[in-house]
Amino acid sequence: CKYSYPEEPGNAEVSCKQGDSRFIIEIVDSGIPFDMTSLPSPDIT
């Protein structure tokens, strides 16, 4: 909501899915690309 759409408004789609022993929340948006998984963990020490 804060960072994905800096120029124009957009949507976010939230889905819940069930598979085997997993519960998956899928969030889809068409905003600017952002791969949070590629960021290093912060220094919490």
ModelCIF file with pLDDT and N, C-alpha, C, O atoms, coordinates in Angstrom:
data_MODEL
#
_entry.id   MODEL 
#
_entity.id                         1 
_entity.type                       polymer 
_entity.pdbx_number_of_molecules   1 
#
_entity_poly.entity_id                      1 
_entity_poly.type                           'polypeptide(L)' 
_entity_poly.nstd_linkage                   no 
_entity_poly.nstd_monomer                   no 
_entity_poly.pdbx_seq_one_letter_code       CKYSYPEEPGNAEVSCKQGDSRFIIEIVDSGIPFDMTSLPSPDIT 
_entity_poly.pdbx_seq_one_letter_code_can   CKYSYPEEPGNAEVSCKQGDSRFIIEIVDSGIPFDMTSLPSPDIT 
_entity_poly.pdbx_strand_id                 A 
#
loop_
_entity_poly_seq.entity_id 
_entity_poly_seq.num 
_entity_poly_seq.mon_id 
_entity_poly_seq.hetero 
1 1  CYS n 
1 2  LYS n 
1 3  TYR n 
1 4  SER n 
1 5  TYR n 
1 6  PRO n 
1 7  GLU n 
1 8  GLU n 
1 9  PRO n 
1 10 GLY n 
1 11 ASN n 
1 12 ALA n 
1 13 GLU n 
1 14 VAL n 
1 15 SER n 
1 16 CYS n 
1 17 LYS n 
1 18 GLN n 
1 19 GLY n 
1 20 ASP n 
1 21 SER n 
1 22 ARG n 
1 23 PHE n 
1 24 ILE n 
1 25 ILE n 
1 26 GLU n 
1 27 ILE n 
1 28 VAL n 
1 29 ASP n 
1 30 SER n 
1 31 GLY n 
1 32 ILE n 
1 33 PRO n 
1 34 PHE n 
1 35 ASP n 
1 36 MET n 
1 37 THR n 
1 38 SER n 
1 39 LEU n 
1 40 PRO n 
1 41 SER n 
1 42 PRO n 
1 43 ASP n 
1 44 ILE n 
1 45 THR n 
#
_struct_asym.id          A 
_struct_asym.entity_id   1 
#
loop_
_ma_qa_metric.id 
_ma_qa_metric.mode 
_ma_qa_metric.name 
_ma_qa_metric.software_group_id 
_ma_qa_metric.type 
1 global pLDDT . pLDDT 
2 local  pLDDT . pLDDT 
#
_ma_qa_metric_global.metric_id      1 
_ma_qa_metric_global.metric_value   87.18 
_ma_qa_metric_global.model_id       1 
_ma_qa_metric_global.ordinal_id     1 
#
loop_
_ma_qa_metric_local.label_asym_id 
_ma_qa_metric_local.label_comp_id 
_ma_qa_metric_local.label_seq_id 
_ma_qa_metric_local.metric_id 
_ma_qa_metric_local.metric_value 
_ma_qa_metric_local.model_id 
_ma_qa_metric_local.ordinal_id 
A CYS 1  2 95.00 1 1  
A LYS 2  2 93.00 1 2  
A TYR 3  2 92.00 1 3  
A SER 4  2 94.00 1 4  
A TYR 5  2 96.00 1 5  
A PRO 6  2 92.00 1 6  
A GLU 7  2 90.00 1 7  
A GLU 8  2 91.00 1 8  
A PRO 9  2 91.00 1 9  
A GLY 10 2 97.00 1 10 
A ASN 11 2 98.00 1 11 
A ALA 12 2 98.00 1 12 
A GLU 13 2 98.00 1 13 
A VAL 14 2 98.00 1 14 
A SER 15 2 98.00 1 15 
A CYS 16 2 98.00 1 16 
A LYS 17 2 97.00 1 17 
A GLN 18 2 94.00 1 18 
A GLY 19 2 86.00 1 19 
A ASP 20 2 85.00 1 20 
A SER 21 2 91.00 1 21 
A ARG 22 2 95.00 1 22 
A PHE 23 2 97.00 1 23 
A ILE 24 2 97.00 1 24 
A ILE 25 2 98.00 1 25 
A GLU 26 2 98.00 1 26 
A ILE 27 2 98.00 1 27 
A VAL 28 2 98.00 1 28 
A ASP 29 2 98.00 1 29 
A SER 30 2 97.00 1 30 
A GLY 31 2 96.00 1 31 
A ILE 32 2 96.00 1 32 
A PRO 33 2 95.00 1 33 
A PHE 34 2 88.00 1 34 
A ASP 35 2 85.00 1 35 
A MET 36 2 76.00 1 36 
A THR 37 2 74.00 1 37 
A SER 38 2 74.00 1 38 
A LEU 39 2 58.00 1 39 
A PRO 40 2 59.00 1 40 
A SER 41 2 57.00 1 41 
A PRO 42 2 51.00 1 42 
A ASP 43 2 55.00 1 43 
A ILE 44 2 55.00 1 44 
A THR 45 2 56.00 1 45 
#
loop_
_atom_site.group_PDB 
_atom_site.id 
_atom_site.type_symbol 
_atom_site.label_atom_id 
_atom_site.label_alt_id 
_atom_site.label_comp_id 
_atom_site.label_asym_id 
_atom_site.label_entity_id 
_atom_site.label_seq_id 
_atom_site.pdbx_PDB_ins_code 
_atom_site.Cartn_x 
_atom_site.Cartn_y 
_atom_site.Cartn_z 
_atom_site.occupancy 
_atom_site.B_iso_or_equiv 
_atom_site.pdbx_formal_charge 
_atom_site.auth_seq_id 
_atom_site.auth_comp_id 
_atom_site.auth_asym_id 
_atom_site.auth_atom_id 
_atom_site.pdbx_PDB_model_num 
ATOM 1   N N  . CYS A 1 1  ? 0.820  -1.220  0.000   1.00 95.00 ? 1  CYS A N  1 
ATOM 2   C CA . CYS A 1 1  ? 0.000  0.000   0.000   1.00 95.00 ? 1  CYS A CA 1 
ATOM 3   C C  . CYS A 1 1  ? 0.852  1.268   0.000   1.00 95.00 ? 1  CYS A C  1 
ATOM 4   O O  . CYS A 1 1  ? 0.502  2.254   -0.648  1.00 95.00 ? 1  CYS A O  1 
ATOM 5   N N  . LYS A 1 2  ? 1.954  1.242   0.716   1.00 93.00 ? 2  LYS A N  1 
ATOM 6   C CA . LYS A 1 2  ? 2.789  2.448   0.835   1.00 93.00 ? 2  LYS A CA 1 
ATOM 7   C C  . LYS A 1 2  ? 3.762  2.643   -0.328  1.00 93.00 ? 2  LYS A C  1 
ATOM 8   O O  . LYS A 1 2  ? 4.042  3.775   -0.721  1.00 93.00 ? 2  LYS A O  1 
ATOM 9   N N  . TYR A 1 3  ? 4.280  1.531   -0.882  1.00 92.00 ? 3  TYR A N  1 
ATOM 10  C CA . TYR A 1 3  ? 5.411  1.675   -1.801  1.00 92.00 ? 3  TYR A CA 1 
ATOM 11  C C  . TYR A 1 3  ? 5.213  1.106   -3.206  1.00 92.00 ? 3  TYR A C  1 
ATOM 12  O O  . TYR A 1 3  ? 5.972  1.456   -4.110  1.00 92.00 ? 3  TYR A O  1 
ATOM 13  N N  . SER A 1 4  ? 4.238  0.256   -3.415  1.00 94.00 ? 4  SER A N  1 
ATOM 14  C CA . SER A 1 4  ? 4.133  -0.446  -4.686  1.00 94.00 ? 4  SER A CA 1 
ATOM 15  C C  . SER A 1 4  ? 3.653  0.436   -5.840  1.00 94.00 ? 4  SER A C  1 
ATOM 16  O O  . SER A 1 4  ? 4.010  0.216   -6.998  1.00 94.00 ? 4  SER A O  1 
ATOM 17  N N  . TYR A 1 5  ? 2.846  1.426   -5.506  1.00 96.00 ? 5  TYR A N  1 
ATOM 18  C CA . TYR A 1 5  ? 2.253  2.271   -6.546  1.00 96.00 ? 5  TYR A CA 1 
ATOM 19  C C  . TYR A 1 5  ? 2.593  3.748   -6.312  1.00 96.00 ? 5  TYR A C  1 
ATOM 20  O O  . TYR A 1 5  ? 1.733  4.509   -5.870  1.00 96.00 ? 5  TYR A O  1 
ATOM 21  N N  . PRO A 1 6  ? 3.823  4.162   -6.600  1.00 92.00 ? 6  PRO A N  1 
ATOM 22  C CA . PRO A 1 6  ? 4.203  5.552   -6.340  1.00 92.00 ? 6  PRO A CA 1 
ATOM 23  C C  . PRO A 1 6  ? 3.585  6.549   -7.321  1.00 92.00 ? 6  PRO A C  1 
ATOM 24  O O  . PRO A 1 6  ? 3.413  7.717   -6.972  1.00 92.00 ? 6  PRO A O  1 
ATOM 25  N N  . GLU A 1 7  ? 3.252  6.123   -8.525  1.00 90.00 ? 7  GLU A N  1 
ATOM 26  C CA . GLU A 1 7  ? 2.761  7.027   -9.565  1.00 90.00 ? 7  GLU A CA 1 
ATOM 27  C C  . GLU A 1 7  ? 1.239  7.075   -9.643  1.00 90.00 ? 7  GLU A C  1 
ATOM 28  O O  . GLU A 1 7  ? 0.645  8.153   -9.677  1.00 90.00 ? 7  GLU A O  1 
ATOM 29  N N  . GLU A 1 8  ? 0.624  5.916   -9.671  1.00 91.00 ? 8  GLU A N  1 
ATOM 30  C CA . GLU A 1 8  ? -0.823 5.850   -9.836  1.00 91.00 ? 8  GLU A CA 1 
ATOM 31  C C  . GLU A 1 8  ? -1.362 4.717   -8.972  1.00 91.00 ? 8  GLU A C  1 
ATOM 32  O O  . GLU A 1 8  ? -0.631 3.779   -8.656  1.00 91.00 ? 8  GLU A O  1 
ATOM 33  N N  . PRO A 1 9  ? -2.637 4.796   -8.587  1.00 91.00 ? 9  PRO A N  1 
ATOM 34  C CA . PRO A 1 9  ? -3.195 3.758   -7.720  1.00 91.00 ? 9  PRO A CA 1 
ATOM 35  C C  . PRO A 1 9  ? -3.301 2.415   -8.430  1.00 91.00 ? 9  PRO A C  1 
ATOM 36  O O  . PRO A 1 9  ? -3.357 2.337   -9.658  1.00 91.00 ? 9  PRO A O  1 
ATOM 37  N N  . GLY A 1 10 ? -3.325 1.383   -7.637  1.00 97.00 ? 10 GLY A N  1 
ATOM 38  C CA . GLY A 1 10 ? -3.470 0.037   -8.162  1.00 97.00 ? 10 GLY A CA 1 
ATOM 39  C C  . GLY A 1 10 ? -4.142 -0.858  -7.142  1.00 97.00 ? 10 GLY A C  1 
ATOM 40  O O  . GLY A 1 10 ? -4.573 -0.395  -6.086  1.00 97.00 ? 10 GLY A O  1 
ATOM 41  N N  . ASN A 1 11 ? -4.229 -2.122  -7.453  1.00 98.00 ? 11 ASN A N  1 
ATOM 42  C CA . ASN A 1 11 ? -4.901 -3.085  -6.581  1.00 98.00 ? 11 ASN A CA 1 
ATOM 43  C C  . ASN A 1 11 ? -3.925 -4.076  -5.980  1.00 98.00 ? 11 ASN A C  1 
ATOM 44  O O  . ASN A 1 11 ? -2.785 -4.213  -6.424  1.00 98.00 ? 11 ASN A O  1 
ATOM 45  N N  . ALA A 1 12 ? -4.405 -4.760  -4.960  1.00 98.00 ? 12 ALA A N  1 
ATOM 46  C CA . ALA A 1 12 ? -3.713 -5.916  -4.401  1.00 98.00 ? 12 ALA A CA 1 
ATOM 47  C C  . ALA A 1 12 ? -4.754 -7.015  -4.246  1.00 98.00 ? 12 ALA A C  1 
ATOM 48  O O  . ALA A 1 12 ? -5.849 -6.792  -3.729  1.00 98.00 ? 12 ALA A O  1 
ATOM 49  N N  . GLU A 1 13 ? -4.394 -8.181  -4.697  1.00 98.00 ? 13 GLU A N  1 
ATOM 50  C CA . GLU A 1 13 ? -5.293 -9.325  -4.612  1.00 98.00 ? 13 GLU A CA 1 
ATOM 51  C C  . GLU A 1 13 ? -4.723 -10.316 -3.609  1.00 98.00 ? 13 GLU A C  1 
ATOM 52  O O  . GLU A 1 13 ? -3.577 -10.749 -3.728  1.00 98.00 ? 13 GLU A O  1 
ATOM 53  N N  . VAL A 1 14 ? -5.527 -10.664 -2.632  1.00 98.00 ? 14 VAL A N  1 
ATOM 54  C CA . VAL A 1 14 ? -5.114 -11.604 -1.591  1.00 98.00 ? 14 VAL A CA 1 
ATOM 55  C C  . VAL A 1 14 ? -5.944 -12.868 -1.732  1.00 98.00 ? 14 VAL A C  1 
ATOM 56  O O  . VAL A 1 14 ? -7.174 -12.828 -1.747  1.00 98.00 ? 14 VAL A O  1 
ATOM 57  N N  . SER A 1 15 ? -5.248 -13.988 -1.836  1.00 98.00 ? 15 SER A N  1 
ATOM 58  C CA . SER A 1 15 ? -5.913 -15.288 -1.946  1.00 98.00 ? 15 SER A CA 1 
ATOM 59  C C  . SER A 1 15 ? -5.397 -16.212 -0.856  1.00 98.00 ? 15 SER A C  1 
ATOM 60  O O  . SER A 1 15 ? -4.233 -16.132 -0.462  1.00 98.00 ? 15 SER A O  1 
ATOM 61  N N  . CYS A 1 16 ? -6.255 -17.078 -0.378  1.00 98.00 ? 16 CYS A N  1 
ATOM 62  C CA . CYS A 1 16 ? -5.858 -18.146 0.533   1.00 98.00 ? 16 CYS A CA 1 
ATOM 63  C C  . CYS A 1 16 ? -6.051 -19.454 -0.209  1.00 98.00 ? 16 CYS A C  1 
ATOM 64  O O  . CYS A 1 16 ? -7.082 -19.693 -0.838  1.00 98.00 ? 16 CYS A O  1 
ATOM 65  N N  . LYS A 1 17 ? -5.035 -20.290 -0.118  1.00 97.00 ? 17 LYS A N  1 
ATOM 66  C CA . LYS A 1 17 ? -5.081 -21.572 -0.810  1.00 97.00 ? 17 LYS A CA 1 
ATOM 67  C C  . LYS A 1 17 ? -4.687 -22.680 0.155   1.00 97.00 ? 17 LYS A C  1 
ATOM 68  O O  . LYS A 1 17 ? -3.891 -22.477 1.072   1.00 97.00 ? 17 LYS A O  1 
ATOM 69  N N  . GLN A 1 18 ? -5.260 -23.847 -0.071  1.00 94.00 ? 18 GLN A N  1 
ATOM 70  C CA . GLN A 1 18 ? -4.958 -25.003 0.756   1.00 94.00 ? 18 GLN A CA 1 
ATOM 71  C C  . GLN A 1 18 ? -4.363 -26.078 -0.132  1.00 94.00 ? 18 GLN A C  1 
ATOM 72  O O  . GLN A 1 18 ? -4.904 -26.403 -1.189  1.00 94.00 ? 18 GLN A O  1 
ATOM 73  N N  . GLY A 1 19 ? -3.257 -26.619 0.308   1.00 86.00 ? 19 GLY A N  1 
ATOM 74  C CA . GLY A 1 19 ? -2.635 -27.709 -0.414  1.00 86.00 ? 19 GLY A CA 1 
ATOM 75  C C  . GLY A 1 19 ? -1.975 -28.654 0.556   1.00 86.00 ? 19 GLY A C  1 
ATOM 76  O O  . GLY A 1 19 ? -1.145 -28.236 1.363   1.00 86.00 ? 19 GLY A O  1 
ATOM 77  N N  . ASP A 1 20 ? -2.327 -29.917 0.494   1.00 85.00 ? 20 ASP A N  1 
ATOM 78  C CA . ASP A 1 20 ? -1.778 -30.934 1.400   1.00 85.00 ? 20 ASP A CA 1 
ATOM 79  C C  . ASP A 1 20 ? -1.780 -30.403 2.835   1.00 85.00 ? 20 ASP A C  1 
ATOM 80  O O  . ASP A 1 20 ? -2.845 -30.158 3.401   1.00 85.00 ? 20 ASP A O  1 
ATOM 81  N N  . SER A 1 21 ? -0.622 -30.229 3.412   1.00 91.00 ? 21 SER A N  1 
ATOM 82  C CA . SER A 1 21 ? -0.541 -29.753 4.798   1.00 91.00 ? 21 SER A CA 1 
ATOM 83  C C  . SER A 1 21 ? -0.110 -28.289 4.858   1.00 91.00 ? 21 SER A C  1 
ATOM 84  O O  . SER A 1 21 ? 0.458  -27.842 5.855   1.00 91.00 ? 21 SER A O  1 
ATOM 85  N N  . ARG A 1 22 ? -0.383 -27.551 3.792   1.00 95.00 ? 22 ARG A N  1 
ATOM 86  C CA . ARG A 1 22 ? 0.056  -26.155 3.729   1.00 95.00 ? 22 ARG A CA 1 
ATOM 87  C C  . ARG A 1 22 ? -1.127 -25.212 3.536   1.00 95.00 ? 22 ARG A C  1 
ATOM 88  O O  . ARG A 1 22 ? -2.096 -25.533 2.849   1.00 95.00 ? 22 ARG A O  1 
ATOM 89  N N  . PHE A 1 23 ? -1.022 -24.061 4.149   1.00 97.00 ? 23 PHE A N  1 
ATOM 90  C CA . PHE A 1 23 ? -1.964 -22.958 3.978   1.00 97.00 ? 23 PHE A CA 1 
ATOM 91  C C  . PHE A 1 23 ? -1.152 -21.842 3.350   1.00 97.00 ? 23 PHE A C  1 
ATOM 92  O O  . PHE A 1 23 ? -0.165 -21.395 3.933   1.00 97.00 ? 23 PHE A O  1 
ATOM 93  N N  . ILE A 1 24 ? -1.548 -21.384 2.173   1.00 97.00 ? 24 ILE A N  1 
ATOM 94  C CA . ILE A 1 24 ? -0.753 -20.402 1.433   1.00 97.00 ? 24 ILE A CA 1 
ATOM 95  C C  . ILE A 1 24 ? -1.569 -19.134 1.235   1.00 97.00 ? 24 ILE A C  1 
ATOM 96  O O  . ILE A 1 24 ? -2.706 -19.165 0.764   1.00 97.00 ? 24 ILE A O  1 
ATOM 97  N N  . ILE A 1 25 ? -0.959 -18.027 1.607   1.00 98.00 ? 25 ILE A N  1 
ATOM 98  C CA . ILE A 1 25 ? -1.541 -16.716 1.333   1.00 98.00 ? 25 ILE A CA 1 
ATOM 99  C C  . ILE A 1 25 ? -0.768 -16.158 0.155   1.00 98.00 ? 25 ILE A C  1 
ATOM 100 O O  . ILE A 1 25 ? 0.448  -15.982 0.226   1.00 98.00 ? 25 ILE A O  1 
ATOM 101 N N  . GLU A 1 26 ? -1.474 -15.880 -0.927  1.00 98.00 ? 26 GLU A N  1 
ATOM 102 C CA . GLU A 1 26 ? -0.846 -15.324 -2.121  1.00 98.00 ? 26 GLU A CA 1 
ATOM 103 C C  . GLU A 1 26 ? -1.295 -13.881 -2.273  1.00 98.00 ? 26 GLU A C  1 
ATOM 104 O O  . GLU A 1 26 ? -2.490 -13.584 -2.264  1.00 98.00 ? 26 GLU A O  1 
ATOM 105 N N  . ILE A 1 27 ? -0.320 -12.986 -2.413  1.00 98.00 ? 27 ILE A N  1 
ATOM 106 C CA . ILE A 1 27 ? -0.598 -11.561 -2.585  1.00 98.00 ? 27 ILE A CA 1 
ATOM 107 C C  . ILE A 1 27 ? -0.041 -11.152 -3.943  1.00 98.00 ? 27 ILE A C  1 
ATOM 108 O O  . ILE A 1 27 ? 1.143  -11.334 -4.224  1.00 98.00 ? 27 ILE A O  1 
ATOM 109 N N  . VAL A 1 28 ? -0.916 -10.596 -4.781  1.00 98.00 ? 28 VAL A N  1 
ATOM 110 C CA . VAL A 1 28 ? -0.529 -10.223 -6.142  1.00 98.00 ? 28 VAL A CA 1 
ATOM 111 C C  . VAL A 1 28 ? -0.799 -8.739  -6.343  1.00 98.00 ? 28 VAL A C  1 
ATOM 112 O O  . VAL A 1 28 ? -1.876 -8.242  -6.014  1.00 98.00 ? 28 VAL A O  1 
ATOM 113 N N  . ASP A 1 29 ? 0.194  -8.037  -6.889  1.00 98.00 ? 29 ASP A N  1 
ATOM 114 C CA . ASP A 1 29 ? 0.000  -6.631  -7.258  1.00 98.00 ? 29 ASP A CA 1 
ATOM 115 C C  . ASP A 1 29 ? 0.772  -6.352  -8.539  1.00 98.00 ? 29 ASP A C  1 
ATOM 116 O O  . ASP A 1 29 ? 1.694  -7.083  -8.901  1.00 98.00 ? 29 ASP A O  1 
ATOM 117 N N  . SER A 1 30 ? 0.374  -5.278  -9.218  1.00 97.00 ? 30 SER A N  1 
ATOM 118 C CA . SER A 1 30 ? 1.045  -4.923  -10.478 1.00 97.00 ? 30 SER A CA 1 
ATOM 119 C C  . SER A 1 30 ? 1.913  -3.682  -10.302 1.00 97.00 ? 30 SER A C  1 
ATOM 120 O O  . SER A 1 30 ? 2.192  -2.968  -11.265 1.00 97.00 ? 30 SER A O  1 
ATOM 121 N N  . GLY A 1 31 ? 2.332  -3.436  -9.081  1.00 96.00 ? 31 GLY A N  1 
ATOM 122 C CA . GLY A 1 31 ? 3.173  -2.278  -8.789  1.00 96.00 ? 31 GLY A CA 1 
ATOM 123 C C  . GLY A 1 31 ? 4.621  -2.509  -9.202  1.00 96.00 ? 31 GLY A C  1 
ATOM 124 O O  . GLY A 1 31 ? 4.936  -3.445  -9.936  1.00 96.00 ? 31 GLY A O  1 
ATOM 125 N N  . ILE A 1 32 ? 5.489  -1.634  -8.714  1.00 96.00 ? 32 ILE A N  1 
ATOM 126 C CA . ILE A 1 32 ? 6.901  -1.740  -9.065  1.00 96.00 ? 32 ILE A CA 1 
ATOM 127 C C  . ILE A 1 32 ? 7.469  -3.070  -8.558  1.00 96.00 ? 32 ILE A C  1 
ATOM 128 O O  . ILE A 1 32 ? 7.073  -3.536  -7.489  1.00 96.00 ? 32 ILE A O  1 
ATOM 129 N N  . PRO A 1 33 ? 8.377  -3.678  -9.297  1.00 95.00 ? 33 PRO A N  1 
ATOM 130 C CA . PRO A 1 33 ? 8.955  -4.949  -8.866  1.00 95.00 ? 33 PRO A CA 1 
ATOM 131 C C  . PRO A 1 33 ? 9.686  -4.800  -7.537  1.00 95.00 ? 33 PRO A C  1 
ATOM 132 O O  . PRO A 1 33 ? 10.454 -3.858  -7.340  1.00 95.00 ? 33 PRO A O  1 
ATOM 133 N N  . PHE A 1 34 ? 9.437  -5.742  -6.629  1.00 88.00 ? 34 PHE A N  1 
ATOM 134 C CA . PHE A 1 34 ? 10.135 -5.722  -5.340  1.00 88.00 ? 34 PHE A CA 1 
ATOM 135 C C  . PHE A 1 34 ? 10.213 -7.137  -4.798  1.00 88.00 ? 34 PHE A C  1 
ATOM 136 O O  . PHE A 1 34 ? 9.203  -7.728  -4.415  1.00 88.00 ? 34 PHE A O  1 
ATOM 137 N N  . ASP A 1 35 ? 11.417 -7.667  -4.772  1.00 85.00 ? 35 ASP A N  1 
ATOM 138 C CA . ASP A 1 35 ? 11.650 -9.021  -4.265  1.00 85.00 ? 35 ASP A CA 1 
ATOM 139 C C  . ASP A 1 35 ? 12.190 -8.944  -2.847  1.00 85.00 ? 35 ASP A C  1 
ATOM 140 O O  . ASP A 1 35 ? 13.398 -8.822  -2.641  1.00 85.00 ? 35 ASP A O  1 
ATOM 141 N N  . MET A 1 36 ? 11.300 -9.015  -1.879  1.00 76.00 ? 36 MET A N  1 
ATOM 142 C CA . MET A 1 36 ? 11.712 -8.922  -0.489  1.00 76.00 ? 36 MET A CA 1 
ATOM 143 C C  . MET A 1 36 ? 12.573 -10.103 -0.058  1.00 76.00 ? 36 MET A C  1 
ATOM 144 O O  . MET A 1 36 ? 13.317 -10.003 0.917   1.00 76.00 ? 36 MET A O  1 
ATOM 145 N N  . THR A 1 37 ? 12.479 -11.221 -0.775  1.00 74.00 ? 37 THR A N  1 
ATOM 146 C CA . THR A 1 37 ? 13.266 -12.389 -0.394  1.00 74.00 ? 37 THR A CA 1 
ATOM 147 C C  . THR A 1 37 ? 14.749 -12.203 -0.711  1.00 74.00 ? 37 THR A C  1 
ATOM 148 O O  . THR A 1 37 ? 15.590 -12.934 -0.188  1.00 74.00 ? 37 THR A O  1 
ATOM 149 N N  . SER A 1 38 ? 15.071 -11.240 -1.554  1.00 74.00 ? 38 SER A N  1 
ATOM 150 C CA . SER A 1 38 ? 16.473 -11.028 -1.924  1.00 74.00 ? 38 SER A CA 1 
ATOM 151 C C  . SER A 1 38 ? 17.203 -10.115 -0.946  1.00 74.00 ? 38 SER A C  1 
ATOM 152 O O  . SER A 1 38 ? 18.423 -9.972  -1.023  1.00 74.00 ? 38 SER A O  1 
ATOM 153 N N  . LEU A 1 39 ? 16.464 -9.499  -0.030  1.00 58.00 ? 39 LEU A N  1 
ATOM 154 C CA . LEU A 1 39 ? 17.093 -8.588  0.924   1.00 58.00 ? 39 LEU A CA 1 
ATOM 155 C C  . LEU A 1 39 ? 17.759 -9.354  2.054   1.00 58.00 ? 39 LEU A C  1 
ATOM 156 O O  . LEU A 1 39 ? 17.224 -10.360 2.520   1.00 58.00 ? 39 LEU A O  1 
ATOM 157 N N  . PRO A 1 40 ? 18.933 -8.885  2.504   1.00 59.00 ? 40 PRO A N  1 
ATOM 158 C CA . PRO A 1 40 ? 19.581 -9.549  3.642   1.00 59.00 ? 40 PRO A CA 1 
ATOM 159 C C  . PRO A 1 40 ? 18.803 -9.255  4.927   1.00 59.00 ? 40 PRO A C  1 
ATOM 160 O O  . PRO A 1 40 ? 18.086 -8.258  5.021   1.00 59.00 ? 40 PRO A O  1 
ATOM 161 N N  . SER A 1 41 ? 18.955 -10.118 5.885   1.00 57.00 ? 41 SER A N  1 
ATOM 162 C CA . SER A 1 41 ? 18.322 -9.888  7.186   1.00 57.00 ? 41 SER A CA 1 
ATOM 163 C C  . SER A 1 41 ? 18.961 -8.669  7.835   1.00 57.00 ? 41 SER A C  1 
ATOM 164 O O  . SER A 1 41 ? 20.160 -8.436  7.680   1.00 57.00 ? 41 SER A O  1 
ATOM 165 N N  . PRO A 1 42 ? 18.159 -7.888  8.564   1.00 51.00 ? 42 PRO A N  1 
ATOM 166 C CA . PRO A 1 42 ? 18.722 -6.704  9.211   1.00 51.00 ? 42 PRO A CA 1 
ATOM 167 C C  . PRO A 1 42 ? 19.619 -7.096  10.382  1.00 51.00 ? 42 PRO A C  1 
ATOM 168 O O  . PRO A 1 42 ? 19.506 -8.190  10.934  1.00 51.00 ? 42 PRO A O  1 
ATOM 169 N N  . ASP A 1 43 ? 20.492 -6.196  10.742  1.00 55.00 ? 43 ASP A N  1 
ATOM 170 C CA . ASP A 1 43 ? 21.362 -6.392  11.897  1.00 55.00 ? 43 ASP A CA 1 
ATOM 171 C C  . ASP A 1 43 ? 20.542 -6.120  13.153  1.00 55.00 ? 43 ASP A C  1 
ATOM 172 O O  . ASP A 1 43 ? 20.222 -4.973  13.465  1.00 55.00 ? 43 ASP A O  1 
ATOM 173 N N  . ILE A 1 44 ? 20.210 -7.181  13.860  1.00 55.00 ? 44 ILE A N  1 
ATOM 174 C CA . ILE A 1 44 ? 19.409 -6.993  15.073  1.00 55.00 ? 44 ILE A CA 1 
ATOM 175 C C  . ILE A 1 44 ? 20.260 -7.099  16.334  1.00 55.00 ? 44 ILE A C  1 
ATOM 176 O O  . ILE A 1 44 ? 19.742 -7.107  17.451  1.00 55.00 ? 44 ILE A O  1 
ATOM 177 N N  . THR A 1 45 ? 21.589 -7.182  16.132  1.00 56.00 ? 45 THR A N  1 
ATOM 178 C CA . THR A 1 45 ? 22.485 -7.273  17.292  1.00 56.00 ? 45 THR A CA 1 
ATOM 179 C C  . THR A 1 45 ? 23.039 -5.915  17.699  1.00 56.00 ? 45 THR A C  1 
ATOM 180 O O  . THR A 1 45 ? 23.807 -5.824  18.656  1.00 56.00 ? 45 THR A O  1 
#
